[in-house]
Amino acid sequence: MLRKQPERGYIDSLRVYTEFLDKTPEQIIKESEEDIRSGKLMRERKIFNELREFREYLEGSGIAPMSIKAKLTGVRSFFNYYNIILPVLPRSATCARPLMENRAIPTKEDIREALTVADPIEKALVLTGVASGLAINEISNLKVEDFFKGYDPETQITTLHLVREKVGYEFYTFLTPEASRAVLEYLEYRNRTSDSKDGVRQNQLFLKNAHDIL
């Protein structure tokens, strides 16, 4: 079965695909299986032209290239679930890149403005990322222990000693006093409803689900 996390995206992709073809999912699978049983070459099967035309439709709809890629991935997952081999489509002229307006790097002023309306966890996350240069997956894996081990109350600078597990790369990074204060304020905010029996709440610096934070 498809994992729950991306399930909504897969369902939305399949909905767009079935509406484009004006067919039900059952019809699409049945036709694909009939083409396989009849021994047709991949380029002769309905799925070849339908996928190509669907991609062209998405490219002409004005949505972002990354969204096109996500929708095609969702459709492919649907076919893969039913063990249907998909054709390799001719290379698209449109590369899956973020739109230009989404590629701009925020300025210090942009960040300062965002922080004025950020809640405690948003402020702590932003300042941790800016100060440390860590990727979002590395930030999400930080432990409360990592923070307090490296926090210096005198300078208010936090030294993080971390290891990238996949490559075994050991490194240090730092949180500025402003970032450290933001983390402390966030922890105080989070702990207002703290349950000492909640291991996740006690161990993870940043909780991954919003309902765990509130």
C-alpha atoms as a PDB file:
ATOM      1  CA  MET A   1       0.000   0.000   0.000  1.00  0.00           C
ATOM      2  CA  LEU A   2       1.058   3.583  -0.590  1.00  0.00           C
ATOM      3  CA  ARG A   3       2.533   5.307   2.440  1.00  0.00           C
ATOM      4  CA  LYS A   4       0.202   7.653   4.290  1.00  0.00           C
ATOM      5  CA  GLN A   5       2.511  10.664   4.143  1.00  0.00           C
ATOM      6  CA  PRO A   6       2.302  11.326   0.360  1.00  0.00           C
ATOM      7  CA  GLU A   7      -1.096   9.680  -0.066  1.00  0.00           C
ATOM      8  CA  ARG A   8      -2.981  12.920  -0.638  1.00  0.00           C
ATOM      9  CA  GLY A   9      -0.547  13.952  -3.388  1.00  0.00           C
ATOM     10  CA  TYR A  10      -0.916  10.592  -5.128  1.00  0.00           C
ATOM     11  CA  ILE A  11      -4.702  10.782  -4.978  1.00  0.00           C
ATOM     12  CA  ASP A  12      -4.685  14.305  -6.397  1.00  0.00           C
ATOM     13  CA  SER A  13      -2.337  13.253  -9.223  1.00  0.00           C
ATOM     14  CA  LEU A  14      -4.557  10.299 -10.084  1.00  0.00           C
ATOM     15  CA  ARG A  15      -7.654  12.518 -10.032  1.00  0.00           C
ATOM     16  CA  VAL A  16      -6.093  14.948 -12.521  1.00  0.00           C
ATOM     17  CA  TYR A  17      -4.984  12.044 -14.734  1.00  0.00           C
ATOM     18  CA  THR A  18      -8.375  10.303 -14.777  1.00  0.00           C
ATOM     19  CA  GLU A  19     -10.179  13.593 -15.469  1.00  0.00           C
ATOM     20  CA  PHE A  20      -7.792  14.300 -18.348  1.00  0.00           C
ATOM     21  CA  LEU A  21      -8.472  10.868 -19.888  1.00  0.00           C
ATOM     22  CA  ASP A  22     -12.154  10.868 -18.865  1.00  0.00           C
ATOM     23  CA  LYS A  23     -11.691   7.313 -17.588  1.00  0.00           C
ATOM     24  CA  THR A  24     -11.975   5.593 -14.235  1.00  0.00           C
ATOM     25  CA  PRO A  25      -8.885   4.062 -12.592  1.00  0.00           C
ATOM     26  CA  GLU A  26     -10.414   0.626 -13.214  1.00  0.00           C
ATOM     27  CA  GLN A  27     -10.726   1.345 -16.950  1.00  0.00           C
ATOM     28  CA  ILE A  28      -7.133   2.536 -17.157  1.00  0.00           C
ATOM     29  CA  ILE A  29      -5.768  -0.595 -15.481  1.00  0.00           C
ATOM     30  CA  LYS A  30      -8.006  -2.894 -17.529  1.00  0.00           C
ATOM     31  CA  GLU A  31      -6.874  -1.333 -20.815  1.00  0.00           C
ATOM     32  CA  SER A  32      -3.222  -1.550 -19.788  1.00  0.00           C
ATOM     33  CA  GLU A  33      -3.555  -5.230 -18.891  1.00  0.00           C
ATOM     34  CA  GLU A  34      -5.347  -5.960 -22.177  1.00  0.00           C
ATOM     35  CA  ASP A  35      -2.503  -4.342 -24.140  1.00  0.00           C
ATOM     36  CA  ILE A  36       0.015  -6.470 -22.231  1.00  0.00           C
ATOM     37  CA  ARG A  37      -1.923  -9.698 -22.888  1.00  0.00           C
ATOM     38  CA  SER A  38      -2.201  -8.894 -26.588  1.00  0.00           C
ATOM     39  CA  GLY A  39       1.584  -8.663 -26.857  1.00  0.00           C
ATOM     40  CA  LYS A  40       1.736  -5.083 -28.119  1.00  0.00           C
ATOM     41  CA  LEU A  41       5.056  -3.282 -28.180  1.00  0.00           C
ATOM     42  CA  MET A  42       5.404  -0.585 -25.541  1.00  0.00           C
ATOM     43  CA  ARG A  43       5.108   2.232 -28.094  1.00  0.00           C
ATOM     44  CA  GLU A  44       1.882   0.673 -29.418  1.00  0.00           C
ATOM     45  CA  ARG A  45       0.134   0.608 -26.055  1.00  0.00           C
ATOM     46  CA  LYS A  46      -2.427   3.220 -25.034  1.00  0.00           C
ATOM     47  CA  ILE A  47      -0.426   4.068 -21.963  1.00  0.00           C
ATOM     48  CA  PHE A  48       2.454   5.374 -24.103  1.00  0.00           C
ATOM     49  CA  ASN A  49       0.423   8.055 -25.874  1.00  0.00           C
ATOM     50  CA  GLU A  50      -1.753   8.800 -22.860  1.00  0.00           C
ATOM     51  CA  LEU A  51       1.192   9.498 -20.575  1.00  0.00           C
ATOM     52  CA  ARG A  52       2.922  11.602 -23.223  1.00  0.00           C
ATOM     53  CA  GLU A  53      -0.236  13.617 -23.907  1.00  0.00           C
ATOM     54  CA  PHE A  54      -0.845  14.045 -20.176  1.00  0.00           C
ATOM     55  CA  ARG A  55       2.648  15.437 -19.708  1.00  0.00           C
ATOM     56  CA  GLU A  56       2.113  17.843 -22.615  1.00  0.00           C
ATOM     57  CA  TYR A  57      -1.199  18.900 -21.077  1.00  0.00           C
ATOM     58  CA  LEU A  58       0.498  19.641 -17.746  1.00  0.00           C
ATOM     59  CA  GLU A  59       3.309  21.548 -19.451  1.00  0.00           C
ATOM     60  CA  GLY A  60       0.763  23.709 -21.254  1.00  0.00           C
ATOM     61  CA  SER A  61      -1.309  24.363 -18.143  1.00  0.00           C
ATOM     62  CA  GLY A  62       1.105  26.878 -16.656  1.00  0.00           C
ATOM     63  CA  ILE A  63       1.879  24.978 -13.441  1.00  0.00           C
ATOM     64  CA  ALA A  64       5.411  24.847 -12.072  1.00  0.00           C
ATOM     65  CA  PRO A  65       7.810  22.237 -13.538  1.00  0.00           C
ATOM     66  CA  MET A  66       8.324  20.717 -10.083  1.00  0.00           C
ATOM     67  CA  SER A  67       4.544  20.290  -9.760  1.00  0.00           C
ATOM     68  CA  ILE A  68       4.470  18.560 -13.145  1.00  0.00           C
ATOM     69  CA  LYS A  69       7.161  16.155 -11.971  1.00  0.00           C
ATOM     70  CA  ALA A  70       5.230  15.468  -8.751  1.00  0.00           C
ATOM     71  CA  LYS A  71       2.008  14.695 -10.635  1.00  0.00           C
ATOM     72  CA  LEU A  72       3.777  12.352 -13.054  1.00  0.00           C
ATOM     73  CA  THR A  73       5.423  10.606 -10.106  1.00  0.00           C
ATOM     74  CA  GLY A  74       2.000  10.121  -8.523  1.00  0.00           C
ATOM     75  CA  VAL A  75       0.602   8.595 -11.719  1.00  0.00           C
ATOM     76  CA  ARG A  76       3.615   6.297 -12.079  1.00  0.00           C
ATOM     77  CA  SER A  77       3.139   5.121  -8.497  1.00  0.00           C
ATOM     78  CA  PHE A  78      -0.436   4.157  -9.361  1.00  0.00           C
ATOM     79  CA  PHE A  79       0.723   1.939 -12.240  1.00  0.00           C
ATOM     80  CA  ASN A  80       3.626   0.522 -10.236  1.00  0.00           C
ATOM     81  CA  TYR A  81       1.196  -0.559  -7.522  1.00  0.00           C
ATOM     82  CA  TYR A  82      -0.503  -2.790 -10.120  1.00  0.00           C
ATOM     83  CA  ASN A  83       2.856  -4.055 -11.454  1.00  0.00           C
ATOM     84  CA  ILE A  84       2.390  -2.409 -14.835  1.00  0.00           C
ATOM     85  CA  ILE A  85       5.660  -1.533 -16.556  1.00  0.00           C
ATOM     86  CA  LEU A  86       5.672   2.011 -17.867  1.00  0.00           C
ATOM     87  CA  PRO A  87       7.190   3.338 -21.085  1.00  0.00           C
ATOM     88  CA  VAL A  88      10.223   5.593 -21.085  1.00  0.00           C
ATOM     89  CA  LEU A  89       8.867   8.810 -22.522  1.00  0.00           C
ATOM     90  CA  PRO A  90      10.899  11.010 -24.873  1.00  0.00           C
ATOM     91  CA  ARG A  91      12.813  13.652 -22.951  1.00  0.00           C
ATOM     92  CA  SER A  92      10.716  16.686 -22.139  1.00  0.00           C
ATOM     93  CA  ALA A  93      11.863  20.119 -23.242  1.00  0.00           C
ATOM     94  CA  THR A  94      10.751  21.421 -19.851  1.00  0.00           C
ATOM     95  CA  CYS A  95      13.152  20.712 -16.976  1.00  0.00           C
ATOM     96  CA  ALA A  96      11.750  20.256 -13.491  1.00  0.00           C
ATOM     97  CA  ARG A  97      13.119  23.403 -11.896  1.00  0.00           C
ATOM     98  CA  PRO A  98      11.551  25.765  -9.395  1.00  0.00           C
ATOM     99  CA  LEU A  99       9.913  28.863 -10.851  1.00  0.00           C
ATOM    100  CA  MET A 100      12.199  31.899 -10.924  1.00  0.00           C
ATOM    101  CA  GLU A 101      10.066  33.762  -8.387  1.00  0.00           C
ATOM    102  CA  ASN A 102      10.576  30.861  -5.956  1.00  0.00           C
ATOM    103  CA  ARG A 103      14.367  30.752  -6.359  1.00  0.00           C
ATOM    104  CA  ALA A 104      15.245  34.116  -4.848  1.00  0.00           C
ATOM    105  CA  ILE A 105      17.369  33.967  -1.692  1.00  0.00           C
ATOM    106  CA  PRO A 106      15.732  35.909   1.156  1.00  0.00           C
ATOM    107  CA  THR A 107      17.615  38.969   2.381  1.00  0.00           C
ATOM    108  CA  LYS A 108      18.306  39.799   6.027  1.00  0.00           C
ATOM    109  CA  GLU A 109      15.435  42.263   5.843  1.00  0.00           C
ATOM    110  CA  ASP A 110      13.110  39.540   4.529  1.00  0.00           C
ATOM    111  CA  ILE A 111      14.076  37.262   7.414  1.00  0.00           C
ATOM    112  CA  ARG A 112      13.690  40.028  10.003  1.00  0.00           C
ATOM    113  CA  GLU A 113      10.236  40.843   8.672  1.00  0.00           C
ATOM    114  CA  ALA A 114       9.195  37.174   8.760  1.00  0.00           C
ATOM    115  CA  LEU A 115      10.391  36.843  12.347  1.00  0.00           C
ATOM    116  CA  THR A 116       8.087  39.641  13.491  1.00  0.00           C
ATOM    117  CA  VAL A 117       5.059  37.445  12.780  1.00  0.00           C
ATOM    118  CA  ALA A 118       6.620  34.026  13.490  1.00  0.00           C
ATOM    119  CA  ASP A 119       5.519  31.881  16.409  1.00  0.00           C
ATOM    120  CA  PRO A 120       8.163  30.434  18.797  1.00  0.00           C
ATOM    121  CA  ILE A 121       8.910  27.277  16.810  1.00  0.00           C
ATOM    122  CA  GLU A 122       9.022  29.104  13.466  1.00  0.00           C
ATOM    123  CA  LYS A 123      11.413  31.680  14.898  1.00  0.00           C
ATOM    124  CA  ALA A 124      13.646  28.995  16.419  1.00  0.00           C
ATOM    125  CA  LEU A 125      13.685  26.953  13.197  1.00  0.00           C
ATOM    126  CA  VAL A 126      14.512  29.922  10.965  1.00  0.00           C
ATOM    127  CA  LEU A 127      17.294  31.238  13.189  1.00  0.00           C
ATOM    128  CA  THR A 128      18.742  27.743  13.702  1.00  0.00           C
ATOM    129  CA  GLY A 129      18.863  27.196   9.944  1.00  0.00           C
ATOM    130  CA  VAL A 130      20.361  30.612   9.193  1.00  0.00           C
ATOM    131  CA  ALA A 131      22.987  30.392  11.947  1.00  0.00           C
ATOM    132  CA  SER A 132      24.040  26.764  11.505  1.00  0.00           C
ATOM    133  CA  GLY A 133      23.654  26.199   7.767  1.00  0.00           C
ATOM    134  CA  LEU A 134      22.104  22.798   8.497  1.00  0.00           C
ATOM    135  CA  ALA A 135      19.676  21.192   6.059  1.00  0.00           C
ATOM    136  CA  ILE A 136      16.076  20.759   7.200  1.00  0.00           C
ATOM    137  CA  ASN A 137      16.500  17.001   7.731  1.00  0.00           C
ATOM    138  CA  GLU A 138      19.539  17.651   9.944  1.00  0.00           C
ATOM    139  CA  ILE A 139      17.634  20.260  11.955  1.00  0.00           C
ATOM    140  CA  SER A 140      14.701  17.871  12.403  1.00  0.00           C
ATOM    141  CA  ASN A 141      17.088  15.227  13.783  1.00  0.00           C
ATOM    142  CA  LEU A 142      18.573  17.492  16.466  1.00  0.00           C
ATOM    143  CA  LYS A 143      18.084  16.336  20.039  1.00  0.00           C
ATOM    144  CA  VAL A 144      17.469  18.511  23.094  1.00  0.00           C
ATOM    145  CA  GLU A 145      20.647  16.958  24.492  1.00  0.00           C
ATOM    146  CA  ASP A 146      22.629  18.199  21.456  1.00  0.00           C
ATOM    147  CA  PHE A 147      21.553  21.748  22.208  1.00  0.00           C
ATOM    148  CA  PHE A 148      22.198  21.784  25.955  1.00  0.00           C
ATOM    149  CA  LYS A 149      25.537  19.956  25.613  1.00  0.00           C
ATOM    150  CA  GLY A 150      26.817  22.756  23.426  1.00  0.00           C
ATOM    151  CA  TYR A 151      25.078  25.758  24.969  1.00  0.00           C
ATOM    152  CA  ASP A 152      27.339  28.221  26.800  1.00  0.00           C
ATOM    153  CA  PRO A 153      25.261  30.376  29.185  1.00  0.00           C
ATOM    154  CA  GLU A 154      28.036  32.962  29.413  1.00  0.00           C
ATOM    155  CA  THR A 155      28.401  33.658  25.680  1.00  0.00           C
ATOM    156  CA  GLN A 156      24.946  32.313  24.736  1.00  0.00           C
ATOM    157  CA  ILE A 157      26.642  30.593  21.783  1.00  0.00           C
ATOM    158  CA  THR A 158      25.728  26.948  21.119  1.00  0.00           C
ATOM    159  CA  THR A 159      28.273  24.541  19.638  1.00  0.00           C
ATOM    160  CA  LEU A 160      26.676  21.582  17.853  1.00  0.00           C
ATOM    161  CA  HIS A 161      28.879  18.509  17.410  1.00  0.00           C
ATOM    162  CA  LEU A 162      27.166  16.360  14.783  1.00  0.00           C
ATOM    163  CA  VAL A 163      27.788  13.369  12.531  1.00  0.00           C
ATOM    164  CA  ARG A 164      26.256  12.814   9.099  1.00  0.00           C
ATOM    165  CA  GLU A 165      25.363   9.155   9.566  1.00  0.00           C
ATOM    166  CA  LYS A 166      25.335   8.025   5.916  1.00  0.00           C
ATOM    167  CA  VAL A 167      28.884   9.194   5.213  1.00  0.00           C
ATOM    168  CA  GLY A 168      30.254   9.164   8.763  1.00  0.00           C
ATOM    169  CA  TYR A 169      31.273  12.818   8.449  1.00  0.00           C
ATOM    170  CA  GLU A 170      31.904  14.499  11.806  1.00  0.00           C
ATOM    171  CA  PHE A 171      31.596  18.274  11.993  1.00  0.00           C
ATOM    172  CA  TYR A 172      30.843  21.278  14.194  1.00  0.00           C
ATOM    173  CA  THR A 173      28.459  24.148  13.623  1.00  0.00           C
ATOM    174  CA  PHE A 174      27.234  26.974  15.810  1.00  0.00           C
ATOM    175  CA  LEU A 175      24.136  28.868  16.869  1.00  0.00           C
ATOM    176  CA  THR A 176      24.437  32.594  17.470  1.00  0.00           C
ATOM    177  CA  PRO A 177      23.225  34.090  20.756  1.00  0.00           C
ATOM    178  CA  GLU A 178      20.053  35.222  18.987  1.00  0.00           C
ATOM    179  CA  ALA A 179      19.397  31.706  17.660  1.00  0.00           C
ATOM    180  CA  SER A 180      20.206  30.137  21.039  1.00  0.00           C
ATOM    181  CA  ARG A 181      17.777  32.468  22.809  1.00  0.00           C
ATOM    182  CA  ALA A 182      15.093  31.621  20.257  1.00  0.00           C
ATOM    183  CA  VAL A 183      15.572  27.893  20.921  1.00  0.00           C
ATOM    184  CA  LEU A 184      15.378  28.417  24.691  1.00  0.00           C
ATOM    185  CA  GLU A 185      12.196  30.487  24.321  1.00  0.00           C
ATOM    186  CA  TYR A 186      10.705  27.804  22.077  1.00  0.00           C
ATOM    187  CA  LEU A 187      11.535  25.037  24.574  1.00  0.00           C
ATOM    188  CA  GLU A 188       9.971  27.047  27.383  1.00  0.00           C
ATOM    189  CA  TYR A 189       6.881  27.554  25.225  1.00  0.00           C
ATOM    190  CA  ARG A 190       6.747  23.866  24.292  1.00  0.00           C
ATOM    191  CA  ASN A 191       7.217  22.652  27.852  1.00  0.00           C
ATOM    192  CA  ARG A 192       4.229  24.582  29.171  1.00  0.00           C
ATOM    193  CA  THR A 193       2.209  21.396  28.517  1.00  0.00           C
ATOM    194  CA  SER A 194       5.113  19.002  28.903  1.00  0.00           C
ATOM    195  CA  ASP A 195       4.477  15.377  29.750  1.00  0.00           C
ATOM    196  CA  SER A 196       7.558  13.744  31.248  1.00  0.00           C
ATOM    197  CA  LYS A 197       6.298  10.372  29.992  1.00  0.00           C
ATOM    198  CA  ASP A 198       6.383  11.598  26.398  1.00  0.00           C
ATOM    199  CA  GLY A 199       9.762  10.378  25.153  1.00  0.00           C
ATOM    200  CA  VAL A 200       9.541  12.137  21.803  1.00  0.00           C
ATOM    201  CA  ARG A 201       8.757  15.486  23.431  1.00  0.00           C
ATOM    202  CA  GLN A 202      11.677  15.077  25.831  1.00  0.00           C
ATOM    203  CA  ASN A 203      14.258  13.976  23.238  1.00  0.00           C
ATOM    204  CA  GLN A 204      13.595  15.778  19.950  1.00  0.00           C
ATOM    205  CA  LEU A 205      14.589  19.436  19.775  1.00  0.00           C
ATOM    206  CA  PHE A 206      12.058  20.176  17.041  1.00  0.00           C
ATOM    207  CA  LEU A 207       8.973  17.997  16.821  1.00  0.00           C
ATOM    208  CA  LYS A 208       7.911  16.994  13.328  1.00  0.00           C
ATOM    209  CA  ASN A 209       4.141  17.121  13.786  1.00  0.00           C
ATOM    210  CA  ALA A 210       2.417  20.375  14.582  1.00  0.00           C
ATOM    211  CA  HIS A 211       0.018  18.743  17.042  1.00  0.00           C
ATOM    212  CA  ASP A 212       3.022  17.562  19.083  1.00  0.00           C
ATOM    213  CA  ILE A 213       4.139  21.143  19.554  1.00  0.00           C
ATOM    214  CA  LEU A 214       0.860  22.654  20.715  1.00  0.00           C
END
